[in-house]
Every structure is written in C-alpha cells, then in structure tokens.
Amino acid sequence: MNLAFVAIYTVGMLKHSNEHPASREFFEVGTEIIREAARTGNLIKEFLPNRVKLPKEENTSNGTPILTLTIWKSLSSLYDFSYSGLHKKALQDRKKWFGPLKERKPNYVVWWTDKVTDVSWEEAFKRYDNYIQHGPGPFAFDFKHAFDVTGDKIVL
C-alpha cells in the first residue's frame, strides 16, 4: 500500500464568545492562514466543520470548540507550514484565543492515508481517541512522536 498523504485534525476551545474581539481576530487570522496554506500547493483538502459536533465524551470543556481537518501532500510540507509564516505567529498567539483542553488532551493528531476519500470527521475522531487511549503510534501521532509511512519512528 502506498500511503501518499497525511491528515491532521486539530481541536481547541475558544476562551471567549464568537463575538468577542479576540475571537473575531482569531477567525480573521484563521482565514488568512488557510489562504496561505492553499498558496503553498501542499494543502490537498480542507474539511469545513459545518454542523460537526465533538463526540460527547470530548465536549467536556467550556467554550466554543474550533475543529480543523486538512490533508497535505507530505508530512514534511505539513510540518514546515505549521512552524512558519502566519501559522507560526498564530501558534505563538494562541493563549489569547484558546484555553487549555480538559485533562491536558492533545490539540492535534496526525496520520497517514493512501486515499483522500478515507479522511472524514468520523475518522479524525477515531484517530484522536486512539491517540488519547494508546499514545502516539503509526495509527495516530504528533510531530514530537512522528512515524513515516512504513510505521518507523522518525524525527522531524
């Protein structure tokens, strides 16, 4: 099997209402980040979170959940984008927009996929839950505990 793509699911809880100036700033910045991602040529697909709800067991935090799900051409292109440009600045500013997740849960999970059509919100929730239950592994991992397409540990 040739696993050609990498998916990333992120979750955060806004500290303030959607109408709060800090939240409005976050949404403006987020729109620009997606535009920047599209310009890289490495973003394959962005899933819109319209009417997507966190699984009940995950929705234990106060605040509005912000969910993203995207597919990228490679792990290196995703990693490079995450820690450069507007996204890097947003990561540095995230404490003004987001509160901590309950129980110190991870803010994201990454996994390999051979087909874009295999990626869905349901699959993202399954991968995230697997990461929480079992820690990082080839099925679901993070950048600090990354795996290549063959399941071998790698350093990014």
N, C-alpha and C. Protein backbone atom coordinates (compact mmCIF):
# COMPACT_ATOMS: atom_id res chain seq x y z
N MET A 1 0.86 -1.18 0.00
CA MET A 1 0.00 0.00 0.00
C MET A 1 0.90 1.24 0.00
N ASN A 2 0.59 2.18 -0.85
CA ASN A 2 1.36 3.41 -0.93
C ASN A 2 0.60 4.53 -0.23
N LEU A 3 1.02 4.83 0.99
CA LEU A 3 0.38 5.90 1.75
C LEU A 3 0.97 7.23 1.31
N ALA A 4 0.20 7.96 0.53
CA ALA A 4 0.75 9.13 -0.12
C ALA A 4 0.46 10.44 0.59
N PHE A 5 -0.49 10.47 1.48
CA PHE A 5 -0.94 11.74 2.06
C PHE A 5 -0.92 11.68 3.58
N VAL A 6 -0.96 12.87 4.19
CA VAL A 6 -1.02 12.95 5.64
C VAL A 6 -2.20 13.85 6.02
N ALA A 7 -2.94 13.43 7.03
CA ALA A 7 -4.09 14.21 7.51
C ALA A 7 -3.77 14.72 8.91
N ILE A 8 -4.33 15.88 9.23
CA ILE A 8 -4.19 16.43 10.57
C ILE A 8 -5.54 16.95 11.05
N TYR A 9 -5.88 16.55 12.26
CA TYR A 9 -7.09 17.01 12.93
C TYR A 9 -6.63 17.85 14.12
N THR A 10 -7.19 19.04 14.27
CA THR A 10 -6.87 19.90 15.41
C THR A 10 -8.14 20.26 16.15
N VAL A 11 -8.00 20.46 17.45
CA VAL A 11 -9.13 20.86 18.29
C VAL A 11 -8.64 21.88 19.30
N GLY A 12 -9.45 22.89 19.51
CA GLY A 12 -9.18 23.90 20.52
C GLY A 12 -10.49 24.45 21.04
N MET A 13 -10.44 25.08 22.20
CA MET A 13 -11.63 25.69 22.79
C MET A 13 -11.39 27.19 22.94
N LEU A 14 -12.21 27.97 22.23
CA LEU A 14 -12.10 29.43 22.35
C LEU A 14 -12.37 29.86 23.79
N LYS A 15 -11.61 30.82 24.25
CA LYS A 15 -11.81 31.36 25.60
C LYS A 15 -13.05 32.22 25.68
N HIS A 16 -13.38 32.89 24.58
CA HIS A 16 -14.44 33.90 24.58
C HIS A 16 -15.54 33.53 23.58
N SER A 17 -16.62 34.27 23.62
CA SER A 17 -17.71 34.07 22.65
C SER A 17 -17.20 34.39 21.25
N ASN A 18 -17.92 33.90 20.25
CA ASN A 18 -17.54 34.18 18.87
C ASN A 18 -17.52 35.67 18.55
N GLU A 19 -18.33 36.45 19.28
CA GLU A 19 -18.44 37.88 19.01
C GLU A 19 -17.36 38.70 19.71
N HIS A 20 -16.64 38.12 20.64
CA HIS A 20 -15.60 38.82 21.38
C HIS A 20 -14.49 39.27 20.42
N PRO A 21 -13.90 40.45 20.62
CA PRO A 21 -12.84 40.93 19.72
C PRO A 21 -11.68 39.93 19.53
N ALA A 22 -11.29 39.24 20.60
CA ALA A 22 -10.19 38.27 20.46
C ALA A 22 -10.61 37.11 19.54
N SER A 23 -11.85 36.65 19.67
CA SER A 23 -12.33 35.56 18.82
C SER A 23 -12.47 36.02 17.37
N ARG A 24 -12.96 37.23 17.18
CA ARG A 24 -13.06 37.76 15.81
C ARG A 24 -11.67 37.84 15.17
N GLU A 25 -10.68 38.26 15.97
CA GLU A 25 -9.31 38.30 15.46
C GLU A 25 -8.84 36.90 15.08
N PHE A 26 -9.14 35.91 15.90
CA PHE A 26 -8.76 34.53 15.59
C PHE A 26 -9.35 34.09 14.26
N PHE A 27 -10.65 34.35 14.04
CA PHE A 27 -11.29 33.93 12.79
C PHE A 27 -10.68 34.64 11.59
N GLU A 28 -10.33 35.91 11.73
CA GLU A 28 -9.67 36.64 10.64
C GLU A 28 -8.30 36.04 10.33
N VAL A 29 -7.54 35.79 11.37
CA VAL A 29 -6.21 35.18 11.20
C VAL A 29 -6.35 33.79 10.58
N GLY A 30 -7.32 33.01 11.06
CA GLY A 30 -7.54 31.66 10.53
C GLY A 30 -7.84 31.66 9.04
N THR A 31 -8.64 32.61 8.59
CA THR A 31 -8.95 32.72 7.17
C THR A 31 -7.68 32.99 6.36
N GLU A 32 -6.83 33.86 6.87
CA GLU A 32 -5.57 34.17 6.18
C GLU A 32 -4.63 32.96 6.18
N ILE A 33 -4.62 32.20 7.26
CA ILE A 33 -3.76 31.02 7.34
C ILE A 33 -4.18 29.99 6.29
N ILE A 34 -5.48 29.76 6.14
CA ILE A 34 -5.93 28.80 5.12
C ILE A 34 -5.56 29.29 3.72
N ARG A 35 -5.68 30.60 3.49
CA ARG A 35 -5.25 31.14 2.18
C ARG A 35 -3.77 30.89 1.95
N GLU A 36 -2.97 31.14 3.00
CA GLU A 36 -1.53 30.91 2.89
C GLU A 36 -1.25 29.42 2.64
N ALA A 37 -1.96 28.55 3.33
CA ALA A 37 -1.78 27.10 3.14
C ALA A 37 -2.10 26.71 1.70
N ALA A 38 -3.18 27.24 1.17
CA ALA A 38 -3.57 26.92 -0.21
C ALA A 38 -2.49 27.37 -1.20
N ARG A 39 -1.89 28.52 -0.93
CA ARG A 39 -0.85 29.05 -1.83
C ARG A 39 0.42 28.19 -1.85
N THR A 40 0.63 27.37 -0.81
CA THR A 40 1.83 26.52 -0.79
C THR A 40 1.78 25.44 -1.87
N GLY A 41 0.56 25.08 -2.28
CA GLY A 41 0.42 23.97 -3.23
C GLY A 41 0.49 22.61 -2.55
N ASN A 42 0.68 22.59 -1.23
CA ASN A 42 0.79 21.32 -0.50
C ASN A 42 -0.48 20.93 0.24
N LEU A 43 -1.39 21.85 0.40
CA LEU A 43 -2.68 21.55 1.03
C LEU A 43 -3.57 20.92 -0.03
N ILE A 44 -4.02 19.70 0.22
CA ILE A 44 -4.84 18.98 -0.74
C ILE A 44 -6.32 19.25 -0.51
N LYS A 45 -6.74 19.22 0.76
CA LYS A 45 -8.15 19.40 1.05
C LYS A 45 -8.34 19.95 2.44
N GLU A 46 -9.32 20.84 2.58
CA GLU A 46 -9.75 21.36 3.87
C GLU A 46 -11.20 20.93 4.05
N PHE A 47 -11.50 20.34 5.19
CA PHE A 47 -12.86 19.94 5.52
C PHE A 47 -13.50 21.05 6.33
N LEU A 48 -14.65 21.52 5.91
CA LEU A 48 -15.35 22.56 6.66
C LEU A 48 -16.09 21.93 7.83
N PRO A 49 -16.01 22.57 9.00
CA PRO A 49 -16.62 21.97 10.19
C PRO A 49 -18.10 22.32 10.36
N ASN A 50 -18.79 22.65 9.29
CA ASN A 50 -20.21 22.99 9.39
C ASN A 50 -21.00 21.85 10.03
N ARG A 51 -21.67 22.17 11.11
CA ARG A 51 -22.54 21.22 11.82
C ARG A 51 -21.82 20.00 12.37
N VAL A 52 -20.50 20.03 12.40
CA VAL A 52 -19.75 18.94 13.02
C VAL A 52 -19.72 19.20 14.51
N LYS A 53 -20.04 18.18 15.27
CA LYS A 53 -20.03 18.30 16.73
C LYS A 53 -18.98 17.35 17.29
N LEU A 54 -18.32 17.82 18.33
CA LEU A 54 -17.38 16.95 19.04
C LEU A 54 -18.14 15.76 19.60
N PRO A 55 -17.52 14.59 19.64
CA PRO A 55 -18.16 13.48 20.34
C PRO A 55 -18.45 13.90 21.78
N LYS A 56 -19.55 13.40 22.34
CA LYS A 56 -19.96 13.81 23.69
C LYS A 56 -18.85 13.67 24.72
N GLU A 57 -18.08 12.58 24.61
CA GLU A 57 -17.02 12.37 25.59
C GLU A 57 -15.90 13.40 25.48
N GLU A 58 -15.79 14.06 24.32
CA GLU A 58 -14.76 15.07 24.13
C GLU A 58 -15.25 16.46 24.50
N ASN A 59 -16.55 16.67 24.50
CA ASN A 59 -17.09 18.01 24.70
C ASN A 59 -17.30 18.29 26.19
N THR A 60 -16.19 18.29 26.94
CA THR A 60 -16.29 18.50 28.38
C THR A 60 -15.70 19.84 28.80
N SER A 61 -15.18 20.60 27.84
CA SER A 61 -14.56 21.88 28.16
C SER A 61 -15.56 23.00 27.97
N ASN A 62 -15.35 24.08 28.69
CA ASN A 62 -16.15 25.28 28.45
C ASN A 62 -15.60 25.97 27.22
N GLY A 63 -16.45 26.67 26.51
CA GLY A 63 -16.00 27.41 25.34
C GLY A 63 -16.49 26.79 24.06
N THR A 64 -16.27 27.50 22.97
CA THR A 64 -16.66 27.05 21.64
C THR A 64 -15.55 26.20 21.04
N PRO A 65 -15.87 24.95 20.65
CA PRO A 65 -14.82 24.13 20.03
C PRO A 65 -14.50 24.62 18.62
N ILE A 66 -13.23 24.66 18.31
CA ILE A 66 -12.75 25.00 16.97
C ILE A 66 -12.06 23.76 16.44
N LEU A 67 -12.57 23.20 15.37
CA LEU A 67 -12.06 21.98 14.78
C LEU A 67 -11.53 22.25 13.38
N THR A 68 -10.38 21.67 13.07
CA THR A 68 -9.89 21.72 11.69
C THR A 68 -9.52 20.31 11.27
N LEU A 69 -9.66 20.05 9.98
CA LEU A 69 -9.26 18.79 9.39
C LEU A 69 -8.76 19.09 7.99
N THR A 70 -7.49 18.78 7.75
CA THR A 70 -6.90 19.04 6.44
C THR A 70 -6.05 17.85 6.02
N ILE A 71 -5.82 17.76 4.71
CA ILE A 71 -4.96 16.73 4.12
C ILE A 71 -3.84 17.44 3.37
N TRP A 72 -2.63 16.91 3.54
CA TRP A 72 -1.42 17.50 2.97
C TRP A 72 -0.68 16.49 2.10
N LYS A 73 0.13 17.01 1.18
CA LYS A 73 0.90 16.15 0.28
C LYS A 73 1.94 15.32 0.99
N SER A 74 2.51 15.86 2.09
CA SER A 74 3.55 15.12 2.80
C SER A 74 3.63 15.60 4.24
N LEU A 75 4.23 14.77 5.08
CA LEU A 75 4.42 15.14 6.48
C LEU A 75 5.37 16.33 6.59
N SER A 76 6.41 16.34 5.77
CA SER A 76 7.37 17.46 5.83
C SER A 76 6.72 18.77 5.41
N SER A 77 5.85 18.75 4.41
CA SER A 77 5.19 20.01 3.99
C SER A 77 4.23 20.50 5.07
N LEU A 78 3.53 19.59 5.74
CA LEU A 78 2.65 19.96 6.84
C LEU A 78 3.46 20.54 8.00
N TYR A 79 4.52 19.86 8.37
CA TYR A 79 5.37 20.31 9.47
C TYR A 79 5.97 21.68 9.17
N ASP A 80 6.52 21.84 7.97
CA ASP A 80 7.14 23.12 7.60
C ASP A 80 6.12 24.25 7.64
N PHE A 81 4.91 24.00 7.14
CA PHE A 81 3.88 25.03 7.17
C PHE A 81 3.47 25.36 8.60
N SER A 82 3.35 24.34 9.44
CA SER A 82 2.89 24.54 10.81
C SER A 82 3.81 25.46 11.61
N TYR A 83 5.10 25.43 11.31
CA TYR A 83 6.07 26.19 12.10
C TYR A 83 6.75 27.29 11.29
N SER A 84 5.98 27.89 10.38
CA SER A 84 6.48 29.04 9.62
C SER A 84 5.33 30.00 9.32
N GLY A 85 5.67 31.19 8.88
CA GLY A 85 4.69 32.15 8.40
C GLY A 85 3.62 32.51 9.40
N LEU A 86 2.41 32.74 8.87
CA LEU A 86 1.28 33.14 9.69
C LEU A 86 0.90 32.08 10.73
N HIS A 87 1.04 30.81 10.38
CA HIS A 87 0.66 29.76 11.32
C HIS A 87 1.59 29.75 12.53
N LYS A 88 2.88 29.95 12.30
CA LYS A 88 3.82 30.02 13.42
C LYS A 88 3.45 31.17 14.36
N LYS A 89 3.12 32.34 13.78
CA LYS A 89 2.73 33.50 14.58
C LYS A 89 1.46 33.18 15.37
N ALA A 90 0.48 32.51 14.72
CA ALA A 90 -0.77 32.16 15.40
C ALA A 90 -0.50 31.20 16.56
N LEU A 91 0.40 30.25 16.38
CA LEU A 91 0.75 29.35 17.49
C LEU A 91 1.32 30.14 18.67
N GLN A 92 2.11 31.15 18.37
CA GLN A 92 2.68 31.98 19.43
C GLN A 92 1.61 32.80 20.14
N ASP A 93 0.54 33.16 19.42
CA ASP A 93 -0.55 33.99 19.97
C ASP A 93 -1.71 33.18 20.53
N ARG A 94 -1.67 31.87 20.47
CA ARG A 94 -2.86 31.04 20.76
C ARG A 94 -3.42 31.22 22.16
N LYS A 95 -2.60 31.58 23.13
CA LYS A 95 -3.12 31.71 24.50
C LYS A 95 -4.11 32.86 24.65
N LYS A 96 -4.07 33.83 23.74
CA LYS A 96 -5.07 34.90 23.85
C LYS A 96 -6.42 34.47 23.27
N TRP A 97 -6.43 33.41 22.48
CA TRP A 97 -7.67 32.92 21.86
C TRP A 97 -8.21 31.67 22.53
N PHE A 98 -7.31 30.76 22.92
CA PHE A 98 -7.70 29.44 23.38
C PHE A 98 -7.34 29.19 24.83
N GLY A 99 -8.22 28.44 25.51
CA GLY A 99 -7.92 27.94 26.84
C GLY A 99 -7.38 26.53 26.72
N PRO A 100 -6.87 25.97 27.82
CA PRO A 100 -6.37 24.59 27.78
C PRO A 100 -7.53 23.60 27.64
N LEU A 101 -7.25 22.49 27.01
CA LEU A 101 -8.24 21.41 26.94
C LEU A 101 -8.23 20.70 28.28
N LYS A 102 -9.40 20.19 28.66
CA LYS A 102 -9.50 19.46 29.93
C LYS A 102 -8.61 18.23 29.88
N GLU A 103 -8.12 17.85 31.01
CA GLU A 103 -7.30 16.65 31.17
C GLU A 103 -6.05 16.68 30.30
N ARG A 104 -5.61 17.88 29.94
CA ARG A 104 -4.38 18.04 29.16
C ARG A 104 -4.37 17.18 27.91
N LYS A 105 -5.47 17.14 27.21
CA LYS A 105 -5.56 16.36 25.97
C LYS A 105 -4.77 17.07 24.87
N PRO A 106 -4.34 16.31 23.86
CA PRO A 106 -3.58 16.93 22.77
C PRO A 106 -4.46 17.85 21.93
N ASN A 107 -3.83 18.83 21.30
CA ASN A 107 -4.55 19.75 20.44
C ASN A 107 -4.64 19.26 18.99
N TYR A 108 -3.90 18.19 18.68
CA TYR A 108 -3.94 17.70 17.30
C TYR A 108 -3.49 16.25 17.24
N VAL A 109 -3.79 15.63 16.12
CA VAL A 109 -3.31 14.28 15.82
C VAL A 109 -3.10 14.20 14.30
N VAL A 110 -2.07 13.45 13.92
CA VAL A 110 -1.68 13.30 12.51
C VAL A 110 -1.72 11.81 12.15
N TRP A 111 -2.04 11.50 10.88
CA TRP A 111 -1.98 10.11 10.42
C TRP A 111 -1.79 10.07 8.91
N TRP A 112 -1.29 8.93 8.46
CA TRP A 112 -1.08 8.69 7.03
C TRP A 112 -2.34 8.09 6.42
N THR A 113 -2.56 8.41 5.16
CA THR A 113 -3.69 7.82 4.42
C THR A 113 -3.29 7.65 2.96
N ASP A 114 -3.78 6.60 2.34
CA ASP A 114 -3.48 6.42 0.92
C ASP A 114 -4.55 7.04 0.02
N LYS A 115 -5.72 7.34 0.60
CA LYS A 115 -6.80 7.92 -0.21
C LYS A 115 -7.40 9.13 0.51
N VAL A 116 -7.55 10.20 -0.22
CA VAL A 116 -8.21 11.40 0.33
C VAL A 116 -9.62 11.05 0.78
N THR A 117 -10.27 10.15 0.07
CA THR A 117 -11.66 9.80 0.38
C THR A 117 -11.80 9.03 1.69
N ASP A 118 -10.69 8.50 2.23
CA ASP A 118 -10.75 7.80 3.51
C ASP A 118 -10.76 8.75 4.71
N VAL A 119 -10.49 10.03 4.48
CA VAL A 119 -10.43 11.01 5.56
C VAL A 119 -11.81 11.62 5.76
N SER A 120 -12.25 11.65 7.02
CA SER A 120 -13.56 12.19 7.37
C SER A 120 -13.50 12.67 8.82
N TRP A 121 -14.51 13.40 9.23
CA TRP A 121 -14.58 13.81 10.64
C TRP A 121 -14.65 12.58 11.54
N GLU A 122 -15.44 11.58 11.15
CA GLU A 122 -15.55 10.36 11.94
C GLU A 122 -14.18 9.69 12.10
N GLU A 123 -13.43 9.63 11.01
CA GLU A 123 -12.09 9.05 11.07
C GLU A 123 -11.17 9.88 11.96
N ALA A 124 -11.28 11.21 11.87
CA ALA A 124 -10.46 12.10 12.70
C ALA A 124 -10.74 11.85 14.18
N PHE A 125 -12.02 11.74 14.55
CA PHE A 125 -12.37 11.48 15.96
C PHE A 125 -11.83 10.12 16.41
N LYS A 126 -11.88 9.12 15.52
CA LYS A 126 -11.37 7.79 15.84
C LYS A 126 -9.85 7.84 16.08
N ARG A 127 -9.14 8.55 15.22
CA ARG A 127 -7.67 8.66 15.36
C ARG A 127 -7.32 9.41 16.65
N TYR A 128 -8.03 10.48 16.92
CA TYR A 128 -7.79 11.28 18.12
C TYR A 128 -8.04 10.44 19.37
N ASP A 129 -9.13 9.70 19.38
CA ASP A 129 -9.45 8.84 20.52
C ASP A 129 -8.38 7.77 20.69
N ASN A 130 -7.91 7.20 19.59
CA ASN A 130 -6.86 6.19 19.66
C ASN A 130 -5.59 6.79 20.26
N TYR A 131 -5.25 7.99 19.86
CA TYR A 131 -4.07 8.66 20.41
C TYR A 131 -4.22 8.86 21.92
N ILE A 132 -5.39 9.32 22.34
CA ILE A 132 -5.64 9.54 23.77
C ILE A 132 -5.54 8.22 24.54
N GLN A 133 -6.13 7.16 23.99
CA GLN A 133 -6.17 5.86 24.69
C GLN A 133 -4.81 5.16 24.72
N HIS A 134 -4.05 5.26 23.62
CA HIS A 134 -2.85 4.43 23.47
C HIS A 134 -1.56 5.22 23.29
N GLY A 135 -1.65 6.54 23.17
CA GLY A 135 -0.45 7.33 22.92
C GLY A 135 -0.08 7.29 21.44
N PRO A 136 1.00 7.98 21.10
CA PRO A 136 1.37 8.04 19.69
C PRO A 136 1.88 6.71 19.15
N GLY A 137 1.49 6.42 17.93
CA GLY A 137 1.93 5.23 17.21
C GLY A 137 1.69 5.46 15.73
N PRO A 138 2.00 4.51 14.89
CA PRO A 138 1.80 4.70 13.44
C PRO A 138 0.35 5.03 13.05
N PHE A 139 -0.62 4.60 13.88
CA PHE A 139 -2.04 4.86 13.58
C PHE A 139 -2.42 6.32 13.81
N ALA A 140 -1.80 6.95 14.80
CA ALA A 140 -2.13 8.34 15.17
C ALA A 140 -0.95 8.88 15.98
N PHE A 141 -0.41 10.02 15.55
CA PHE A 141 0.80 10.53 16.19
C PHE A 141 0.82 12.05 16.17
N ASP A 142 1.90 12.60 16.75
CA ASP A 142 2.11 14.05 16.72
C ASP A 142 3.50 14.31 16.16
N PHE A 143 3.88 15.58 16.07
CA PHE A 143 5.17 15.91 15.47
C PHE A 143 6.35 15.49 16.36
N LYS A 144 6.15 15.47 17.67
CA LYS A 144 7.24 15.07 18.57
C LYS A 144 7.46 13.56 18.57
N HIS A 145 6.43 12.82 18.20
CA HIS A 145 6.48 11.35 18.15
C HIS A 145 5.97 10.93 16.78
N ALA A 146 6.73 11.23 15.75
CA ALA A 146 6.28 11.03 14.37
C ALA A 146 6.70 9.66 13.82
N PHE A 147 5.94 9.22 12.82
CA PHE A 147 6.20 7.95 12.15
C PHE A 147 6.15 8.18 10.64
N ASP A 148 6.97 7.42 9.92
CA ASP A 148 6.91 7.50 8.46
C ASP A 148 5.82 6.58 7.93
N VAL A 149 5.68 6.52 6.63
CA VAL A 149 4.60 5.74 6.03
C VAL A 149 4.72 4.25 6.29
N THR A 150 5.93 3.78 6.62
CA THR A 150 6.11 2.36 6.90
C THR A 150 5.90 2.02 8.38
N GLY A 151 5.66 3.06 9.20
CA GLY A 151 5.43 2.84 10.62
C GLY A 151 6.68 2.97 11.47
N ASP A 152 7.79 3.38 10.87
CA ASP A 152 9.03 3.57 11.62
C ASP A 152 9.05 4.97 12.24
N LYS A 153 9.59 5.07 13.47
CA LYS A 153 9.72 6.36 14.11
C LYS A 153 10.70 7.24 13.33
N ILE A 154 10.35 8.54 13.25
CA ILE A 154 11.23 9.49 12.58
C ILE A 154 11.31 10.76 13.43
N VAL A 155 12.33 11.56 13.16
CA VAL A 155 12.48 12.85 13.82
C VAL A 155 12.24 13.93 12.78
N LEU A 156 11.36 14.86 13.13
CA LEU A 156 11.08 15.97 12.21
C LEU A 156 11.92 17.18 12.58
